[in-house]
Amino acid sequence: MQLAQAVPTPSRVIGLDIFPALLKSAHARTAKSLDGDRIRLASGDMRQLPFADNSFDLCWSADCLGYPAAQHLPLLEEAVRVAKPGATIAVL
């Protein structure tokens, strides 16, 4: 929700998680958000993102890129694949 508030309208935010319980919790929170109509949630794995090449202006990962351990480069390459040329990729 904070990302949806940080990007200009009509930008959209897509949240991705591999765990159904976390997606369920996120759906409950976004349903109550004023920006909920700009947020889409998807099930997926960072090792094979379910998005086309060059799709995003910003790719942001929080506490995901380090899992599984020692496989950072393939996950980062997947983020680069879905980022548009000149996009920002931010990793926490």
Protein backbone atom coordinates (compact mmCIF):
# COMPACT_ATOMS: atom_id res chain seq x y z
CA MET A 1 0.00 0.00 0.00
CA GLN A 2 2.88 2.36 0.70
CA LEU A 3 4.25 1.82 -2.80
CA ALA A 4 0.85 2.63 -4.31
CA GLN A 5 0.86 5.89 -2.35
CA ALA A 6 4.42 6.66 -3.48
CA VAL A 7 3.92 6.28 -7.23
CA PRO A 8 1.96 8.76 -9.31
CA THR A 9 -1.59 8.03 -10.43
CA PRO A 10 -2.51 6.15 -12.65
CA SER A 11 0.47 3.89 -11.93
CA ARG A 12 -0.34 0.45 -10.59
CA VAL A 13 1.45 -1.76 -8.09
CA ILE A 14 1.67 -5.52 -8.40
CA GLY A 15 2.57 -7.50 -5.29
CA LEU A 16 3.91 -11.01 -5.68
CA ASP A 17 4.34 -13.78 -3.14
CA ILE A 18 4.79 -17.52 -3.26
CA PHE A 19 2.94 -18.19 0.00
CA PRO A 20 -0.90 -18.36 -0.17
CA ALA A 21 -1.32 -17.29 3.48
CA LEU A 22 0.68 -14.10 2.90
CA LEU A 23 -1.33 -13.31 -0.24
CA LYS A 24 -4.57 -13.84 1.68
CA SER A 25 -3.40 -11.40 4.35
CA ALA A 26 -2.34 -8.89 1.69
CA HIS A 27 -5.74 -9.16 -0.03
CA ALA A 28 -7.45 -8.35 3.27
CA ARG A 29 -5.27 -5.27 3.80
CA THR A 30 -5.55 -3.94 0.26
CA ALA A 31 -9.34 -4.33 0.28
CA LYS A 32 -9.44 -1.72 3.04
CA SER A 33 -6.96 0.64 1.36
CA LEU A 34 -7.93 3.81 -0.47
CA ASP A 35 -5.38 2.77 -3.11
CA GLY A 36 -6.67 -0.79 -3.32
CA ASP A 37 -7.97 -0.34 -6.85
CA ARG A 38 -4.39 0.35 -8.00
CA ILE A 39 -2.95 -2.77 -6.34
CA ARG A 40 -2.97 -6.23 -7.87
CA LEU A 41 -1.67 -9.30 -6.06
CA ALA A 42 -0.25 -12.32 -7.81
CA SER A 43 1.02 -15.72 -6.83
CA GLY A 44 4.48 -16.49 -8.11
CA ASP A 45 8.11 -17.31 -7.54
CA MET A 46 11.00 -14.89 -8.01
CA ARG A 47 12.96 -17.63 -9.77
CA GLN A 48 10.45 -17.47 -12.64
CA LEU A 49 8.41 -14.28 -12.50
CA PRO A 50 4.98 -14.56 -14.17
CA PHE A 51 5.42 -11.33 -16.13
CA ALA A 52 6.53 -10.45 -19.65
CA ASP A 53 9.94 -8.99 -20.41
CA ASN A 54 10.22 -5.19 -20.06
CA SER A 55 7.02 -4.82 -18.01
CA PHE A 56 7.94 -2.60 -15.06
CA ASP A 57 9.30 0.88 -14.41
CA LEU A 58 10.25 -0.15 -10.87
CA CYS A 59 11.04 -3.57 -9.40
CA TRP A 60 11.27 -3.63 -5.63
CA SER A 61 12.16 -6.67 -3.54
CA ALA A 62 11.95 -6.78 0.24
CA ASP A 63 13.31 -9.82 2.03
CA CYS A 64 12.99 -12.03 -1.06
CA LEU A 65 16.11 -11.78 -3.17
CA GLY A 66 18.25 -13.54 -0.56
CA TYR A 67 16.12 -16.69 -0.68
CA PRO A 68 17.16 -19.34 -1.43
CA ALA A 69 20.62 -18.68 -0.08
CA ALA A 70 23.53 -18.36 -2.51
CA GLN A 71 21.26 -17.93 -5.57
CA HIS A 72 21.23 -14.14 -5.71
CA LEU A 73 22.36 -13.64 -9.30
CA PRO A 74 19.62 -15.72 -11.04
CA LEU A 75 16.95 -13.91 -8.99
CA LEU A 76 18.42 -10.52 -9.83
CA GLU A 77 18.62 -11.49 -13.51
CA GLU A 78 14.92 -12.36 -13.42
CA ALA A 79 14.14 -8.92 -11.97
CA VAL A 80 16.22 -7.33 -14.74
CA ARG A 81 14.30 -9.36 -17.34
CA VAL A 82 10.91 -7.93 -16.30
CA ALA A 83 12.23 -4.37 -15.84
CA LYS A 84 11.92 -1.90 -18.70
CA PRO A 85 15.15 -0.40 -20.03
CA GLY A 86 16.15 2.35 -17.64
CA ALA A 87 13.90 1.04 -14.85
CA THR A 88 14.91 1.12 -11.21
CA ILE A 89 15.54 -2.15 -9.37
CA ALA A 90 15.61 -1.76 -5.59
CA VAL A 91 16.50 -4.56 -3.18
CA LEU A 92 16.09 -4.49 0.57
